[in-house]
Amino acid sequence: MVWGAFGVKGKSELVVLEGRQKSSDYIYTISEKMLPFAHAKYGTDYVFMQDNASVHASYETMDFFKEEGVTVLELAC
């Protein structure tokens, strides 16, 4: 699996992930790879978009976003 982030101010490096992801794996990748890009380019003025995969929507993940002050786009599914 390959992840990346982009916006009007640039794009992140691609992150290559192997195997199935647990919430803790997802949180690690977001905190170490995606949020540093977002903060460097946008400060706190951004909205994080993800689908509703179980690791994305878990209580553990949503608590992480809340603690970090990250606004997550709510998708209607």
PDB file of N, CA and C in Angstrom:
ATOM      1  N   MET A   1       0.844  -1.154   0.000  1.00  0.00           N
ATOM      2  CA  MET A   1       0.000   0.000   0.000  1.00  0.00           C
ATOM      3  C   MET A   1       0.905   1.237   0.000  1.00  0.00           C
ATOM      4  N   VAL A   2       0.495   2.248  -0.741  1.00  0.00           N
ATOM      5  CA  VAL A   2       1.261   3.491  -0.817  1.00  0.00           C
ATOM      6  C   VAL A   2       0.354   4.644  -0.403  1.00  0.00           C
ATOM      7  N   TRP A   3       0.855   5.472   0.483  1.00  0.00           N
ATOM      8  CA  TRP A   3       0.105   6.629   0.953  1.00  0.00           C
ATOM      9  C   TRP A   3       0.855   7.905   0.609  1.00  0.00           C
ATOM     10  N   GLY A   4       0.083   8.974   0.463  1.00  0.00           N
ATOM     11  CA  GLY A   4       0.661  10.282   0.249  1.00  0.00           C
ATOM     12  C   GLY A   4      -0.352  11.350   0.627  1.00  0.00           C
ATOM     13  N   ALA A   5       0.104  12.573   0.644  1.00  0.00           N
ATOM     14  CA  ALA A   5      -0.764  13.712   0.940  1.00  0.00           C
ATOM     15  C   ALA A   5      -0.428  14.822  -0.043  1.00  0.00           C
ATOM     16  N   PHE A   6      -1.413  15.637  -0.361  1.00  0.00           N
ATOM     17  CA  PHE A   6      -1.170  16.747  -1.271  1.00  0.00           C
ATOM     18  C   PHE A   6      -2.138  17.877  -0.977  1.00  0.00           C
ATOM     19  N   GLY A   7      -1.756  19.039  -1.434  1.00  0.00           N
ATOM     20  CA  GLY A   7      -2.585  20.226  -1.296  1.00  0.00           C
ATOM     21  C   GLY A   7      -2.030  21.299  -2.210  1.00  0.00           C
ATOM     22  N   VAL A   8      -2.586  22.486  -2.149  1.00  0.00           N
ATOM     23  CA  VAL A   8      -2.154  23.564  -3.036  1.00  0.00           C
ATOM     24  C   VAL A   8      -0.723  24.009  -2.758  1.00  0.00           C
ATOM     25  N   LYS A   9      -0.195  23.687  -1.584  1.00  0.00           N
ATOM     26  CA  LYS A   9       1.165  24.096  -1.225  1.00  0.00           C
ATOM     27  C   LYS A   9       2.202  22.999  -1.430  1.00  0.00           C
ATOM     28  N   GLY A  10       1.813  21.885  -2.025  1.00  0.00           N
ATOM     29  CA  GLY A  10       2.793  20.841  -2.304  1.00  0.00           C
ATOM     30  C   GLY A  10       2.286  19.450  -1.995  1.00  0.00           C
ATOM     31  N   LYS A  11       3.214  18.499  -2.074  1.00  0.00           N
ATOM     32  CA  LYS A  11       2.863  17.106  -1.822  1.00  0.00           C
ATOM     33  C   LYS A  11       3.875  16.482  -0.878  1.00  0.00           C
ATOM     34  N   SER A  12       3.422  15.468  -0.158  1.00  0.00           N
ATOM     35  CA  SER A  12       4.309  14.765   0.772  1.00  0.00           C
ATOM     36  C   SER A  12       5.118  13.721   0.019  1.00  0.00           C
ATOM     37  N   GLU A  13       6.098  13.172   0.699  1.00  0.00           N
ATOM     38  CA  GLU A  13       6.777  12.001   0.168  1.00  0.00           C
ATOM     39  C   GLU A  13       5.813  10.830   0.267  1.00  0.00           C
ATOM     40  N   LEU A  14       5.974   9.849  -0.627  1.00  0.00           N
ATOM     41  CA  LEU A  14       5.138   8.661  -0.553  1.00  0.00           C
ATOM     42  C   LEU A  14       5.614   7.768   0.583  1.00  0.00           C
ATOM     43  N   VAL A  15       4.676   7.118   1.225  1.00  0.00           N
ATOM     44  CA  VAL A  15       4.964   6.192   2.318  1.00  0.00           C
ATOM     45  C   VAL A  15       4.504   4.811   1.866  1.00  0.00           C
ATOM     46  N   VAL A  16       5.417   3.844   1.869  1.00  0.00           N
ATOM     47  CA  VAL A  16       5.086   2.476   1.471  1.00  0.00           C
ATOM     48  C   VAL A  16       4.826   1.652   2.729  1.00  0.00           C
ATOM     49  N   LEU A  17       3.652   1.044   2.786  1.00  0.00           N
ATOM     50  CA  LEU A  17       3.252   0.225   3.933  1.00  0.00           C
ATOM     51  C   LEU A  17       3.076  -1.215   3.474  1.00  0.00           C
ATOM     52  N   GLU A  18       3.426  -2.139   4.346  1.00  0.00           N
ATOM     53  CA  GLU A  18       3.270  -3.549   4.013  1.00  0.00           C
ATOM     54  C   GLU A  18       2.324  -4.219   4.991  1.00  0.00           C
ATOM     55  N   GLY A  19       1.540  -5.153   4.494  1.00  0.00           N
ATOM     56  CA  GLY A  19       0.661  -5.934   5.349  1.00  0.00           C
ATOM     57  C   GLY A  19      -0.573  -5.170   5.784  1.00  0.00           C
ATOM     58  N   ARG A  20      -1.352  -5.827   6.618  1.00  0.00           N
ATOM     59  CA  ARG A  20      -2.571  -5.217   7.160  1.00  0.00           C
ATOM     60  C   ARG A  20      -2.198  -4.183   8.219  1.00  0.00           C
ATOM     61  N   GLN A  21      -2.986  -3.151   8.292  1.00  0.00           N
ATOM     62  CA  GLN A  21      -2.742  -2.080   9.246  1.00  0.00           C
ATOM     63  C   GLN A  21      -3.731  -2.160  10.407  1.00  0.00           C
ATOM     64  N   LYS A  22      -3.233  -1.989  11.605  1.00  0.00           N
ATOM     65  CA  LYS A  22      -4.069  -1.855  12.802  1.00  0.00           C
ATOM     66  C   LYS A  22      -4.173  -0.361  13.105  1.00  0.00           C
ATOM     67  N   SER A  23      -5.065  -0.011  13.996  1.00  0.00           N
ATOM     68  CA  SER A  23      -5.207   1.400  14.370  1.00  0.00           C
ATOM     69  C   SER A  23      -3.885   1.984  14.843  1.00  0.00           C
ATOM     70  N   SER A  24      -3.147   1.234  15.637  1.00  0.00           N
ATOM     71  CA  SER A  24      -1.857   1.734  16.141  1.00  0.00           C
ATOM     72  C   SER A  24      -0.868   1.973  15.006  1.00  0.00           C
ATOM     73  N   ASP A  25      -0.890   1.130  13.968  1.00  0.00           N
ATOM     74  CA  ASP A  25      -0.024   1.330  12.799  1.00  0.00           C
ATOM     75  C   ASP A  25      -0.432   2.596  12.050  1.00  0.00           C
ATOM     76  N   TYR A  26      -1.737   2.759  11.864  1.00  0.00           N
ATOM     77  CA  TYR A  26      -2.267   3.924  11.172  1.00  0.00           C
ATOM     78  C   TYR A  26      -1.887   5.206  11.906  1.00  0.00           C
ATOM     79  N   ILE A  27      -2.073   5.210  13.207  1.00  0.00           N
ATOM     80  CA  ILE A  27      -1.740   6.384  14.011  1.00  0.00           C
ATOM     81  C   ILE A  27      -0.256   6.703  13.905  1.00  0.00           C
ATOM     82  N   TYR A  28       0.589   5.693  13.938  1.00  0.00           N
ATOM     83  CA  TYR A  28       2.033   5.913  13.802  1.00  0.00           C
ATOM     84  C   TYR A  28       2.340   6.581  12.462  1.00  0.00           C
ATOM     85  N   THR A  29       1.787   6.035  11.379  1.00  0.00           N
ATOM     86  CA  THR A  29       2.058   6.593  10.052  1.00  0.00           C
ATOM     87  C   THR A  29       1.561   8.023   9.950  1.00  0.00           C
ATOM     88  N   ILE A  30       0.367   8.283  10.442  1.00  0.00           N
ATOM     89  CA  ILE A  30      -0.186   9.640  10.402  1.00  0.00           C
ATOM     90  C   ILE A  30       0.684  10.590  11.218  1.00  0.00           C
ATOM     91  N   SER A  31       1.040  10.191  12.430  1.00  0.00           N
ATOM     92  CA  SER A  31       1.788  11.097  13.315  1.00  0.00           C
ATOM     93  C   SER A  31       3.219  11.319  12.854  1.00  0.00           C
ATOM     94  N   GLU A  32       3.835  10.319  12.237  1.00  0.00           N
ATOM     95  CA  GLU A  32       5.239  10.434  11.837  1.00  0.00           C
ATOM     96  C   GLU A  32       5.444  10.910  10.405  1.00  0.00           C
ATOM     97  N   LYS A  33       4.458  10.737   9.539  1.00  0.00           N
ATOM     98  CA  LYS A  33       4.629  11.056   8.116  1.00  0.00           C
ATOM     99  C   LYS A  33       3.664  12.113   7.591  1.00  0.00           C
ATOM    100  N   MET A  34       2.380  11.962   7.890  1.00  0.00           N
ATOM    101  CA  MET A  34       1.388  12.847   7.286  1.00  0.00           C
ATOM    102  C   MET A  34       1.230  14.171   8.035  1.00  0.00           C
ATOM    103  N   LEU A  35       1.116  14.113   9.358  1.00  0.00           N
ATOM    104  CA  LEU A  35       0.934  15.360  10.110  1.00  0.00           C
ATOM    105  C   LEU A  35       2.139  16.284  10.034  1.00  0.00           C
ATOM    106  N   PRO A  36       3.377  15.780  10.054  1.00  0.00           N
ATOM    107  CA  PRO A  36       4.505  16.703   9.888  1.00  0.00           C
ATOM    108  C   PRO A  36       4.434  17.476   8.565  1.00  0.00           C
ATOM    109  N   PHE A  37       4.021  16.799   7.488  1.00  0.00           N
ATOM    110  CA  PHE A  37       3.843  17.475   6.202  1.00  0.00           C
ATOM    111  C   PHE A  37       2.759  18.546   6.318  1.00  0.00           C
ATOM    112  N   ALA A  38       1.610  18.172   6.870  1.00  0.00           N
ATOM    113  CA  ALA A  38       0.494  19.112   6.990  1.00  0.00           C
ATOM    114  C   ALA A  38       0.875  20.324   7.827  1.00  0.00           C
ATOM    115  N   HIS A  39       1.534  20.095   8.954  1.00  0.00           N
ATOM    116  CA  HIS A  39       1.921  21.208   9.829  1.00  0.00           C
ATOM    117  C   HIS A  39       2.969  22.103   9.177  1.00  0.00           C
ATOM    118  N   ALA A  40       3.913  21.515   8.455  1.00  0.00           N
ATOM    119  CA  ALA A  40       4.954  22.308   7.788  1.00  0.00           C
ATOM    120  C   ALA A  40       4.366  23.195   6.694  1.00  0.00           C
ATOM    121  N   LYS A  41       3.383  22.681   5.979  1.00  0.00           N
ATOM    122  CA  LYS A  41       2.806  23.426   4.855  1.00  0.00           C
ATOM    123  C   LYS A  41       1.641  24.328   5.251  1.00  0.00           C
ATOM    124  N   TYR A  42       0.843  23.904   6.255  1.00  0.00           N
ATOM    125  CA  TYR A  42      -0.413  24.589   6.544  1.00  0.00           C
ATOM    126  C   TYR A  42      -0.595  25.008   7.998  1.00  0.00           C
ATOM    127  N   GLY A  43       0.376  24.703   8.846  1.00  0.00           N
ATOM    128  CA  GLY A  43       0.184  24.994  10.267  1.00  0.00           C
ATOM    129  C   GLY A  43      -0.947  24.146  10.804  1.00  0.00           C
ATOM    130  N   THR A  44      -1.972  24.796  11.314  1.00  0.00           N
ATOM    131  CA  THR A  44      -3.153  24.052  11.775  1.00  0.00           C
ATOM    132  C   THR A  44      -4.368  24.327  10.892  1.00  0.00           C
ATOM    133  N   ASP A  45      -4.151  24.998   9.756  1.00  0.00           N
ATOM    134  CA  ASP A  45      -5.238  25.390   8.863  1.00  0.00           C
ATOM    135  C   ASP A  45      -5.418  24.366   7.739  1.00  0.00           C
ATOM    136  N   TYR A  46      -5.887  23.181   8.095  1.00  0.00           N
ATOM    137  CA  TYR A  46      -6.157  22.140   7.112  1.00  0.00           C
ATOM    138  C   TYR A  46      -7.229  21.201   7.657  1.00  0.00           C
ATOM    139  N   VAL A  47      -7.801  20.436   6.751  1.00  0.00           N
ATOM    140  CA  VAL A  47      -8.772  19.407   7.118  1.00  0.00           C
ATOM    141  C   VAL A  47      -8.228  18.084   6.604  1.00  0.00           C
ATOM    142  N   PHE A  48      -8.202  17.088   7.467  1.00  0.00           N
ATOM    143  CA  PHE A  48      -7.688  15.767   7.118  1.00  0.00           C
ATOM    144  C   PHE A  48      -8.825  14.933   6.540  1.00  0.00           C
ATOM    145  N   MET A  49      -8.587  14.332   5.362  1.00  0.00           N
ATOM    146  CA  MET A  49      -9.615  13.525   4.710  1.00  0.00           C
ATOM    147  C   MET A  49      -9.177  12.071   4.679  1.00  0.00           C
ATOM    148  N   GLN A  50     -10.087  11.194   5.037  1.00  0.00           N
ATOM    149  CA  GLN A  50      -9.834   9.757   4.996  1.00  0.00           C
ATOM    150  C   GLN A  50     -11.157   9.057   4.724  1.00  0.00           C
ATOM    151  N   ASP A  51     -11.085   7.781   4.340  1.00  0.00           N
ATOM    152  CA  ASP A  51     -12.336   7.045   4.177  1.00  0.00           C
ATOM    153  C   ASP A  51     -12.747   6.449   5.523  1.00  0.00           C
ATOM    154  N   ASN A  52     -13.750   5.636   5.517  1.00  0.00           N
ATOM    155  CA  ASN A  52     -14.254   5.082   6.774  1.00  0.00           C
ATOM    156  C   ASN A  52     -13.778   3.653   7.019  1.00  0.00           C
ATOM    157  N   ALA A  53     -12.576   3.324   6.562  1.00  0.00           N
ATOM    158  CA  ALA A  53     -12.001   2.014   6.874  1.00  0.00           C
ATOM    159  C   ALA A  53     -11.964   1.861   8.394  1.00  0.00           C
ATOM    160  N   SER A  54     -12.042   0.638   8.867  1.00  0.00           N
ATOM    161  CA  SER A  54     -12.155   0.417  10.314  1.00  0.00           C
ATOM    162  C   SER A  54     -11.008   1.045  11.098  1.00  0.00           C
ATOM    163  N   VAL A  55      -9.772   0.993  10.578  1.00  0.00           N
ATOM    164  CA  VAL A  55      -8.653   1.595  11.318  1.00  0.00           C
ATOM    165  C   VAL A  55      -8.733   3.114  11.311  1.00  0.00           C
ATOM    166  N   HIS A  56      -9.394   3.682  10.307  1.00  0.00           N
ATOM    167  CA  HIS A  56      -9.537   5.133  10.229  1.00  0.00           C
ATOM    168  C   HIS A  56     -10.604   5.632  11.189  1.00  0.00           C
ATOM    169  N   ALA A  57     -11.648   4.835  11.369  1.00  0.00           N
ATOM    170  CA  ALA A  57     -12.803   5.264  12.161  1.00  0.00           C
ATOM    171  C   ALA A  57     -12.807   4.717  13.586  1.00  0.00           C
ATOM    172  N   SER A  58     -11.758   4.013  13.976  1.00  0.00           N
ATOM    173  CA  SER A  58     -11.731   3.411  15.316  1.00  0.00           C
ATOM    174  C   SER A  58     -11.717   4.493  16.396  1.00  0.00           C
ATOM    175  N   TYR A  59     -12.165   4.117  17.583  1.00  0.00           N
ATOM    176  CA  TYR A  59     -12.126   5.047  18.714  1.00  0.00           C
ATOM    177  C   TYR A  59     -10.694   5.488  18.993  1.00  0.00           C
ATOM    178  N   GLU A  60      -9.761   4.560  18.896  1.00  0.00           N
ATOM    179  CA  GLU A  60      -8.350   4.880  19.146  1.00  0.00           C
ATOM    180  C   GLU A  60      -7.855   5.960  18.182  1.00  0.00           C
ATOM    181  N   THR A  61      -8.185   5.798  16.901  1.00  0.00           N
ATOM    182  CA  THR A  61      -7.760   6.769  15.894  1.00  0.00           C
ATOM    183  C   THR A  61      -8.444   8.112  16.097  1.00  0.00           C
ATOM    184  N   MET A  62      -9.757   8.096  16.316  1.00  0.00           N
ATOM    185  CA  MET A  62     -10.481   9.353  16.481  1.00  0.00           C
ATOM    186  C   MET A  62     -10.052  10.080  17.752  1.00  0.00           C
ATOM    187  N   ASP A  63      -9.736   9.340  18.808  1.00  0.00           N
ATOM    188  CA  ASP A  63      -9.197   9.961  20.025  1.00  0.00           C
ATOM    189  C   ASP A  63      -7.854  10.620  19.738  1.00  0.00           C
ATOM    190  N   PHE A  64      -7.022   9.964  18.927  1.00  0.00           N
ATOM    191  CA  PHE A  64      -5.728  10.533  18.546  1.00  0.00           C
ATOM    192  C   PHE A  64      -5.936  11.868  17.831  1.00  0.00           C
ATOM    193  N   PHE A  65      -6.821  11.887  16.829  1.00  0.00           N
ATOM    194  CA  PHE A  65      -7.067  13.127  16.095  1.00  0.00           C
ATOM    195  C   PHE A  65      -7.570  14.222  17.031  1.00  0.00           C
ATOM    196  N   LYS A  66      -8.457  13.869  17.938  1.00  0.00           N
ATOM    197  CA  LYS A  66      -8.989  14.855  18.885  1.00  0.00           C
ATOM    198  C   LYS A  66      -7.872  15.415  19.763  1.00  0.00           C
ATOM    199  N   GLU A  67      -7.025  14.538  20.299  1.00  0.00           N
ATOM    200  CA  GLU A  67      -5.907  14.972  21.149  1.00  0.00           C
ATOM    201  C   GLU A  67      -4.940  15.874  20.392  1.00  0.00           C
ATOM    202  N   GLU A  68      -4.754  15.598  19.092  1.00  0.00           N
ATOM    203  CA  GLU A  68      -3.834  16.387  18.269  1.00  0.00           C
ATOM    204  C   GLU A  68      -4.483  17.650  17.708  1.00  0.00           C
ATOM    205  N   GLY A  69      -5.778  17.806  17.892  1.00  0.00           N
ATOM    206  CA  GLY A  69      -6.482  18.978  17.380  1.00  0.00           C
ATOM    207  C   GLY A  69      -6.660  18.970  15.875  1.00  0.00           C
ATOM    208  N   VAL A  70      -6.729  17.780  15.284  1.00  0.00           N
ATOM    209  CA  VAL A  70      -6.863  17.644  13.835  1.00  0.00           C
ATOM    210  C   VAL A  70      -8.340  17.603  13.463  1.00  0.00           C
ATOM    211  N   THR A  71      -8.734  18.468  12.524  1.00  0.00           N
ATOM    212  CA  THR A  71     -10.089  18.456  11.997  1.00  0.00           C
ATOM    213  C   THR A  71     -10.171  17.382  10.924  1.00  0.00           C
ATOM    214  N   VAL A  72     -11.088  16.436  11.089  1.00  0.00           N
ATOM    215  CA  VAL A  72     -11.259  15.340  10.134  1.00  0.00           C
ATOM    216  C   VAL A  72     -12.561  15.556   9.379  1.00  0.00           C
ATOM    217  N   LEU A  73     -12.493  15.510   8.048  1.00  0.00           N
ATOM    218  CA  LEU A  73     -13.677  15.657   7.214  1.00  0.00           C
ATOM    219  C   LEU A  73     -14.599  14.465   7.441  1.00  0.00           C
ATOM    220  N   GLU A  74     -15.846  14.732   7.759  1.00  0.00           N
ATOM    221  CA  GLU A  74     -16.818  13.657   7.951  1.00  0.00           C
ATOM    222  C   GLU A  74     -17.421  13.298   6.602  1.00  0.00           C
ATOM    223  N   LEU A  75     -17.314  12.018   6.247  1.00  0.00           N
ATOM    224  CA  LEU A  75     -17.869  11.544   4.988  1.00  0.00           C
ATOM    225  C   LEU A  75     -19.235  10.929   5.234  1.00  0.00           C
ATOM    226  N   ALA A  76     -20.163  11.205   4.342  1.00  0.00           N
ATOM    227  CA  ALA A  76     -21.483  10.577   4.422  1.00  0.00           C
ATOM    228  C   ALA A  76     -21.415   9.261   3.664  1.00  0.00           C
ATOM    229  N   CYS A  77     -21.512   8.176   4.387  1.00  0.00           N
ATOM    230  CA  CYS A  77     -21.445   6.848   3.746  1.00  0.00           C
ATOM    231  C   CYS A  77     -22.712   6.085   3.971  1.00  0.00           C
TER     232      CYS A  77
END
